[in-house]
Amino acid sequence: MPRPDIDDPDLPLADLFHAWPEAAPVFLEKRMLCPGCPIAPFHTVIDACAEYRLDEQDFRKELRRAAGSPETD
């Protein structure tokens, strides 16, 4: 099964953590409780950024960097 698109706005966090476990520390460094959260299968990066009042574009850049994905800005 191919890896999902890390920038897919509908990608559930649980799927993101499964495909890119190296992304979890990005959340933890910001004191986000998303890794291991029972809501992770239902929330997206959009939801998490809204909940924690983070700039989504900046946060996505950090995720892509951690995952070794190319920058897309």
PDB file of N, CA and C in Angstrom:
ATOM      1  N   MET A   1       0.843  -1.181   0.000  1.00  0.00           N
ATOM      2  CA  MET A   1       0.000   0.000   0.000  1.00  0.00           C
ATOM      3  C   MET A   1       0.889   1.245   0.000  1.00  0.00           C
ATOM      4  N   PRO A   2       0.634   2.184  -0.919  1.00  0.00           N
ATOM      5  CA  PRO A   2       1.479   3.386  -0.972  1.00  0.00           C
ATOM      6  C   PRO A   2       1.249   4.297   0.225  1.00  0.00           C
ATOM      7  N   ARG A   3       2.266   5.044   0.517  1.00  0.00           N
ATOM      8  CA  ARG A   3       2.182   6.006   1.616  1.00  0.00           C
ATOM      9  C   ARG A   3       1.201   7.114   1.244  1.00  0.00           C
ATOM     10  N   PRO A   4       0.395   7.581   2.193  1.00  0.00           N
ATOM     11  CA  PRO A   4      -0.537   8.676   1.889  1.00  0.00           C
ATOM     12  C   PRO A   4       0.225   9.986   1.672  1.00  0.00           C
ATOM     13  N   ASP A   5      -0.477  10.983   1.212  1.00  0.00           N
ATOM     14  CA  ASP A   5       0.093  12.321   1.024  1.00  0.00           C
ATOM     15  C   ASP A   5       0.106  13.024   2.379  1.00  0.00           C
ATOM     16  N   ILE A   6       1.257  13.419   2.832  1.00  0.00           N
ATOM     17  CA  ILE A   6       1.369  14.062   4.143  1.00  0.00           C
ATOM     18  C   ILE A   6       0.607  15.380   4.199  1.00  0.00           C
ATOM     19  N   ASP A   7       0.353  15.999   3.059  1.00  0.00           N
ATOM     20  CA  ASP A   7      -0.375  17.266   3.012  1.00  0.00           C
ATOM     21  C   ASP A   7      -1.861  17.101   2.734  1.00  0.00           C
ATOM     22  N   ASP A   8      -2.346  15.868   2.693  1.00  0.00           N
ATOM     23  CA  ASP A   8      -3.773  15.624   2.475  1.00  0.00           C
ATOM     24  C   ASP A   8      -4.548  16.234   3.645  1.00  0.00           C
ATOM     25  N   PRO A   9      -5.435  17.199   3.392  1.00  0.00           N
ATOM     26  CA  PRO A   9      -6.158  17.830   4.493  1.00  0.00           C
ATOM     27  C   PRO A   9      -7.095  16.875   5.235  1.00  0.00           C
ATOM     28  N   ASP A  10      -7.445  15.758   4.617  1.00  0.00           N
ATOM     29  CA  ASP A  10      -8.343  14.784   5.238  1.00  0.00           C
ATOM     30  C   ASP A  10      -7.612  13.615   5.894  1.00  0.00           C
ATOM     31  N   LEU A  11      -6.278  13.652   5.921  1.00  0.00           N
ATOM     32  CA  LEU A  11      -5.486  12.555   6.485  1.00  0.00           C
ATOM     33  C   LEU A  11      -5.651  12.525   8.005  1.00  0.00           C
ATOM     34  N   PRO A  12      -6.203  11.443   8.527  1.00  0.00           N
ATOM     35  CA  PRO A  12      -6.328  11.345   9.993  1.00  0.00           C
ATOM     36  C   PRO A  12      -4.943  11.283  10.650  1.00  0.00           C
ATOM     37  N   LEU A  13      -4.840  11.866  11.828  1.00  0.00           N
ATOM     38  CA  LEU A  13      -3.557  11.868  12.530  1.00  0.00           C
ATOM     39  C   LEU A  13      -3.047  10.456  12.798  1.00  0.00           C
ATOM     40  N   ALA A  14      -3.936   9.528  13.095  1.00  0.00           N
ATOM     41  CA  ALA A  14      -3.494   8.150  13.339  1.00  0.00           C
ATOM     42  C   ALA A  14      -2.790   7.585  12.112  1.00  0.00           C
ATOM     43  N   ASP A  15      -3.297   7.892  10.927  1.00  0.00           N
ATOM     44  CA  ASP A  15      -2.661   7.429   9.686  1.00  0.00           C
ATOM     45  C   ASP A  15      -1.332   8.144   9.462  1.00  0.00           C
ATOM     46  N   LEU A  16      -1.284   9.426   9.808  1.00  0.00           N
ATOM     47  CA  LEU A  16      -0.041  10.182   9.684  1.00  0.00           C
ATOM     48  C   LEU A  16       1.034   9.561  10.576  1.00  0.00           C
ATOM     49  N   PHE A  17       0.680   9.269  11.834  1.00  0.00           N
ATOM     50  CA  PHE A  17       1.657   8.685  12.755  1.00  0.00           C
ATOM     51  C   PHE A  17       2.078   7.276  12.316  1.00  0.00           C
ATOM     52  N   HIS A  18       1.164   6.546  11.696  1.00  0.00           N
ATOM     53  CA  HIS A  18       1.502   5.203  11.211  1.00  0.00           C
ATOM     54  C   HIS A  18       2.484   5.289  10.038  1.00  0.00           C
ATOM     55  N   ALA A  19       2.234   6.205   9.109  1.00  0.00           N
ATOM     56  CA  ALA A  19       3.088   6.342   7.925  1.00  0.00           C
ATOM     57  C   ALA A  19       4.412   7.038   8.244  1.00  0.00           C
ATOM     58  N   TRP A  20       4.381   7.994   9.163  1.00  0.00           N
ATOM     59  CA  TRP A  20       5.568   8.772   9.526  1.00  0.00           C
ATOM     60  C   TRP A  20       5.713   8.831  11.040  1.00  0.00           C
ATOM     61  N   PRO A  21       6.168   7.783  11.685  1.00  0.00           N
ATOM     62  CA  PRO A  21       6.336   7.831  13.144  1.00  0.00           C
ATOM     63  C   PRO A  21       7.296   8.938  13.583  1.00  0.00           C
ATOM     64  N   GLU A  22       8.185   9.323  12.690  1.00  0.00           N
ATOM     65  CA  GLU A  22       9.136  10.388  13.019  1.00  0.00           C
ATOM     66  C   GLU A  22       8.461  11.755  13.127  1.00  0.00           C
ATOM     67  N   ALA A  23       7.186  11.856  12.764  1.00  0.00           N
ATOM     68  CA  ALA A  23       6.442  13.112  12.903  1.00  0.00           C
ATOM     69  C   ALA A  23       5.931  13.313  14.335  1.00  0.00           C
ATOM     70  N   ALA A  24       5.804  12.257  15.100  1.00  0.00           N
ATOM     71  CA  ALA A  24       5.261  12.367  16.462  1.00  0.00           C
ATOM     72  C   ALA A  24       6.039  13.353  17.334  1.00  0.00           C
ATOM     73  N   PRO A  25       7.378  13.373  17.296  1.00  0.00           N
ATOM     74  CA  PRO A  25       8.097  14.334  18.130  1.00  0.00           C
ATOM     75  C   PRO A  25       7.765  15.792  17.822  1.00  0.00           C
ATOM     76  N   VAL A  26       7.369  16.094  16.595  1.00  0.00           N
ATOM     77  CA  VAL A  26       6.979  17.463  16.245  1.00  0.00           C
ATOM     78  C   VAL A  26       5.775  17.875  17.096  1.00  0.00           C
ATOM     79  N   PHE A  27       4.841  16.968  17.261  1.00  0.00           N
ATOM     80  CA  PHE A  27       3.672  17.237  18.101  1.00  0.00           C
ATOM     81  C   PHE A  27       4.082  17.343  19.567  1.00  0.00           C
ATOM     82  N   LEU A  28       4.901  16.417  20.012  1.00  0.00           N
ATOM     83  CA  LEU A  28       5.285  16.377  21.417  1.00  0.00           C
ATOM     84  C   LEU A  28       6.113  17.589  21.835  1.00  0.00           C
ATOM     85  N   GLU A  29       6.956  18.091  20.924  1.00  0.00           N
ATOM     86  CA  GLU A  29       7.758  19.280  21.221  1.00  0.00           C
ATOM     87  C   GLU A  29       6.875  20.493  21.494  1.00  0.00           C
ATOM     88  N   LYS A  30       5.688  20.490  20.929  1.00  0.00           N
ATOM     89  CA  LYS A  30       4.750  21.597  21.119  1.00  0.00           C
ATOM     90  C   LYS A  30       3.730  21.288  22.216  1.00  0.00           C
ATOM     91  N   ARG A  31       3.997  20.224  22.963  1.00  0.00           N
ATOM     92  CA  ARG A  31       3.124  19.801  24.063  1.00  0.00           C
ATOM     93  C   ARG A  31       1.724  19.424  23.588  1.00  0.00           C
ATOM     94  N   MET A  32       1.666  18.908  22.366  1.00  0.00           N
ATOM     95  CA  MET A  32       0.400  18.428  21.814  1.00  0.00           C
ATOM     96  C   MET A  32       0.250  16.967  22.210  1.00  0.00           C
ATOM     97  N   LEU A  33      -0.929  16.579  22.597  1.00  0.00           N
ATOM     98  CA  LEU A  33      -1.172  15.226  23.084  1.00  0.00           C
ATOM     99  C   LEU A  33      -1.686  14.291  21.996  1.00  0.00           C
ATOM    100  N   CYS A  34      -1.562  14.705  20.740  1.00  0.00           N
ATOM    101  CA  CYS A  34      -2.130  13.943  19.617  1.00  0.00           C
ATOM    102  C   CYS A  34      -1.577  12.518  19.478  1.00  0.00           C
ATOM    103  N   PRO A  35      -0.260  12.307  19.586  1.00  0.00           N
ATOM    104  CA  PRO A  35       0.217  10.931  19.497  1.00  0.00           C
ATOM    105  C   PRO A  35      -0.342  10.113  20.672  1.00  0.00           C
ATOM    106  N   GLY A  36      -1.064   9.074  20.354  1.00  0.00           N
ATOM    107  CA  GLY A  36      -1.660   8.232  21.382  1.00  0.00           C
ATOM    108  C   GLY A  36      -3.051   8.657  21.818  1.00  0.00           C
ATOM    109  N   CYS A  37      -3.540   9.764  21.297  1.00  0.00           N
ATOM    110  CA  CYS A  37      -4.866  10.244  21.677  1.00  0.00           C
ATOM    111  C   CYS A  37      -5.950   9.375  21.026  1.00  0.00           C
ATOM    112  N   PRO A  38      -7.008   9.056  21.762  1.00  0.00           N
ATOM    113  CA  PRO A  38      -8.065   8.225  21.174  1.00  0.00           C
ATOM    114  C   PRO A  38      -8.838   8.931  20.062  1.00  0.00           C
ATOM    115  N   ILE A  39      -8.675  10.235  19.914  1.00  0.00           N
ATOM    116  CA  ILE A  39      -9.351  10.984  18.855  1.00  0.00           C
ATOM    117  C   ILE A  39      -8.494  11.051  17.586  1.00  0.00           C
ATOM    118  N   ALA A  40      -7.237  10.635  17.649  1.00  0.00           N
ATOM    119  CA  ALA A  40      -6.332  10.714  16.496  1.00  0.00           C
ATOM    120  C   ALA A  40      -6.869  10.056  15.226  1.00  0.00           C
ATOM    121  N   PRO A  41      -7.658   8.984  15.306  1.00  0.00           N
ATOM    122  CA  PRO A  41      -8.207   8.430  14.061  1.00  0.00           C
ATOM    123  C   PRO A  41      -9.246   9.341  13.392  1.00  0.00           C
ATOM    124  N   PHE A  42      -9.706  10.348  14.113  1.00  0.00           N
ATOM    125  CA  PHE A  42     -10.765  11.211  13.596  1.00  0.00           C
ATOM    126  C   PHE A  42     -10.314  12.642  13.323  1.00  0.00           C
ATOM    127  N   HIS A  43      -9.212  13.073  13.946  1.00  0.00           N
ATOM    128  CA  HIS A  43      -8.718  14.439  13.767  1.00  0.00           C
ATOM    129  C   HIS A  43      -7.649  14.495  12.692  1.00  0.00           C
ATOM    130  N   THR A  44      -7.537  15.660  12.086  1.00  0.00           N
ATOM    131  CA  THR A  44      -6.538  15.921  11.053  1.00  0.00           C
ATOM    132  C   THR A  44      -5.557  16.975  11.577  1.00  0.00           C
ATOM    133  N   VAL A  45      -4.556  17.283  10.780  1.00  0.00           N
ATOM    134  CA  VAL A  45      -3.619  18.351  11.135  1.00  0.00           C
ATOM    135  C   VAL A  45      -4.385  19.670  11.277  1.00  0.00           C
ATOM    136  N   ILE A  46      -5.373  19.880  10.428  1.00  0.00           N
ATOM    137  CA  ILE A  46      -6.189  21.094  10.515  1.00  0.00           C
ATOM    138  C   ILE A  46      -6.846  21.183  11.891  1.00  0.00           C
ATOM    139  N   ASP A  47      -7.453  20.089  12.327  1.00  0.00           N
ATOM    140  CA  ASP A  47      -8.109  20.061  13.636  1.00  0.00           C
ATOM    141  C   ASP A  47      -7.115  20.319  14.764  1.00  0.00           C
ATOM    142  N   ALA A  48      -5.971  19.660  14.695  1.00  0.00           N
ATOM    143  CA  ALA A  48      -4.963  19.792  15.757  1.00  0.00           C
ATOM    144  C   ALA A  48      -4.440  21.226  15.830  1.00  0.00           C
ATOM    145  N   CYS A  49      -4.170  21.828  14.673  1.00  0.00           N
ATOM    146  CA  CYS A  49      -3.673  23.204  14.671  1.00  0.00           C
ATOM    147  C   CYS A  49      -4.719  24.164  15.220  1.00  0.00           C
ATOM    148  N   ALA A  50      -5.973  23.934  14.895  1.00  0.00           N
ATOM    149  CA  ALA A  50      -7.041  24.782  15.432  1.00  0.00           C
ATOM    150  C   ALA A  50      -7.142  24.618  16.943  1.00  0.00           C
ATOM    151  N   GLU A  51      -7.077  23.378  17.405  1.00  0.00           N
ATOM    152  CA  GLU A  51      -7.196  23.097  18.839  1.00  0.00           C
ATOM    153  C   GLU A  51      -6.060  23.730  19.637  1.00  0.00           C
ATOM    154  N   TYR A  52      -4.848  23.681  19.079  1.00  0.00           N
ATOM    155  CA  TYR A  52      -3.679  24.181  19.793  1.00  0.00           C
ATOM    156  C   TYR A  52      -3.254  25.583  19.342  1.00  0.00           C
ATOM    157  N   ARG A  53      -4.070  26.192  18.500  1.00  0.00           N
ATOM    158  CA  ARG A  53      -3.841  27.565  18.017  1.00  0.00           C
ATOM    159  C   ARG A  53      -2.463  27.736  17.395  1.00  0.00           C
ATOM    160  N   LEU A  54      -2.167  26.854  16.449  1.00  0.00           N
ATOM    161  CA  LEU A  54      -0.899  26.902  15.725  1.00  0.00           C
ATOM    162  C   LEU A  54      -1.151  27.305  14.279  1.00  0.00           C
ATOM    163  N   ASP A  55      -0.171  27.941  13.680  1.00  0.00           N
ATOM    164  CA  ASP A  55      -0.254  28.259  12.265  1.00  0.00           C
ATOM    165  C   ASP A  55      -0.097  26.956  11.477  1.00  0.00           C
ATOM    166  N   GLU A  56      -1.112  26.609  10.729  1.00  0.00           N
ATOM    167  CA  GLU A  56      -1.107  25.320  10.037  1.00  0.00           C
ATOM    168  C   GLU A  56       0.030  25.199   9.025  1.00  0.00           C
ATOM    169  N   GLN A  57       0.277  26.249   8.248  1.00  0.00           N
ATOM    170  CA  GLN A  57       1.322  26.164   7.222  1.00  0.00           C
ATOM    171  C   GLN A  57       2.702  25.969   7.849  1.00  0.00           C
ATOM    172  N   ASP A  58       2.985  26.697   8.918  1.00  0.00           N
ATOM    173  CA  ASP A  58       4.272  26.532   9.609  1.00  0.00           C
ATOM    174  C   ASP A  58       4.386  25.134  10.208  1.00  0.00           C
ATOM    175  N   PHE A  59       3.297  24.647  10.794  1.00  0.00           N
ATOM    176  CA  PHE A  59       3.319  23.322  11.402  1.00  0.00           C
ATOM    177  C   PHE A  59       3.529  22.248  10.334  1.00  0.00           C
ATOM    178  N   ARG A  60       2.861  22.395   9.191  1.00  0.00           N
ATOM    179  CA  ARG A  60       3.043  21.421   8.101  1.00  0.00           C
ATOM    180  C   ARG A  60       4.482  21.406   7.603  1.00  0.00           C
ATOM    181  N   LYS A  61       5.126  22.562   7.559  1.00  0.00           N
ATOM    182  CA  LYS A  61       6.541  22.618   7.155  1.00  0.00           C
ATOM    183  C   LYS A  61       7.390  21.783   8.108  1.00  0.00           C
ATOM    184  N   GLU A  62       7.113  21.913   9.408  1.00  0.00           N
ATOM    185  CA  GLU A  62       7.855  21.128  10.397  1.00  0.00           C
ATOM    186  C   GLU A  62       7.603  19.634  10.216  1.00  0.00           C
ATOM    187  N   LEU A  63       6.359  19.276   9.939  1.00  0.00           N
ATOM    188  CA  LEU A  63       6.030  17.858   9.717  1.00  0.00           C
ATOM    189  C   LEU A  63       6.752  17.319   8.492  1.00  0.00           C
ATOM    190  N   ARG A  64       6.724  18.081   7.389  1.00  0.00           N
ATOM    191  CA  ARG A  64       7.405  17.627   6.162  1.00  0.00           C
ATOM    192  C   ARG A  64       8.899  17.476   6.403  1.00  0.00           C
ATOM    193  N   ARG A  65       9.472  18.415   7.131  1.00  0.00           N
ATOM    194  CA  ARG A  65      10.903  18.337   7.439  1.00  0.00           C
ATOM    195  C   ARG A  65      11.224  17.081   8.246  1.00  0.00           C
ATOM    196  N   ALA A  66      10.426  16.820   9.273  1.00  0.00           N
ATOM    197  CA  ALA A  66      10.640  15.631  10.110  1.00  0.00           C
ATOM    198  C   ALA A  66      10.458  14.343   9.321  1.00  0.00           C
ATOM    199  N   ALA A  67       9.521  14.366   8.383  1.00  0.00           N
ATOM    200  CA  ALA A  67       9.215  13.161   7.603  1.00  0.00           C
ATOM    201  C   ALA A  67      10.155  12.992   6.415  1.00  0.00           C
ATOM    202  N   GLY A  68      11.006  13.983   6.167  1.00  0.00           N
ATOM    203  CA  GLY A  68      11.904  13.896   5.034  1.00  0.00           C
ATOM    204  C   GLY A  68      11.200  14.127   3.709  1.00  0.00           C
ATOM    205  N   SER A  69      10.052  14.808   3.761  1.00  0.00           N
ATOM    206  CA  SER A  69       9.289  15.116   2.537  1.00  0.00           C
ATOM    207  C   SER A  69       9.764  16.436   1.976  1.00  0.00           C
ATOM    208  N   PRO A  70       9.662  16.602   0.662  1.00  0.00           N
ATOM    209  CA  PRO A  70      10.088  17.864   0.053  1.00  0.00           C
ATOM    210  C   PRO A  70       9.197  19.023   0.457  1.00  0.00           C
ATOM    211  N   GLU A  71       9.783  20.203   0.521  1.00  0.00           N
ATOM    212  CA  GLU A  71       9.010  21.414   0.815  1.00  0.00           C
ATOM    213  C   GLU A  71       8.109  21.711  -0.383  1.00  0.00           C
ATOM    214  N   THR A  72       6.904  22.187  -0.091  1.00  0.00           N
ATOM    215  CA  THR A  72       5.950  22.442  -1.181  1.00  0.00           C
ATOM    216  C   THR A  72       5.391  23.851  -1.132  1.00  0.00           C
ATOM    217  N   ASP A  73       6.173  24.828  -0.717  1.00  0.00           N
ATOM    218  CA  ASP A  73       5.666  26.212  -0.667  1.00  0.00           C
ATOM    219  C   ASP A  73       6.247  27.041  -1.737  1.00  0.00           C
TER     220      ASP A  73
END
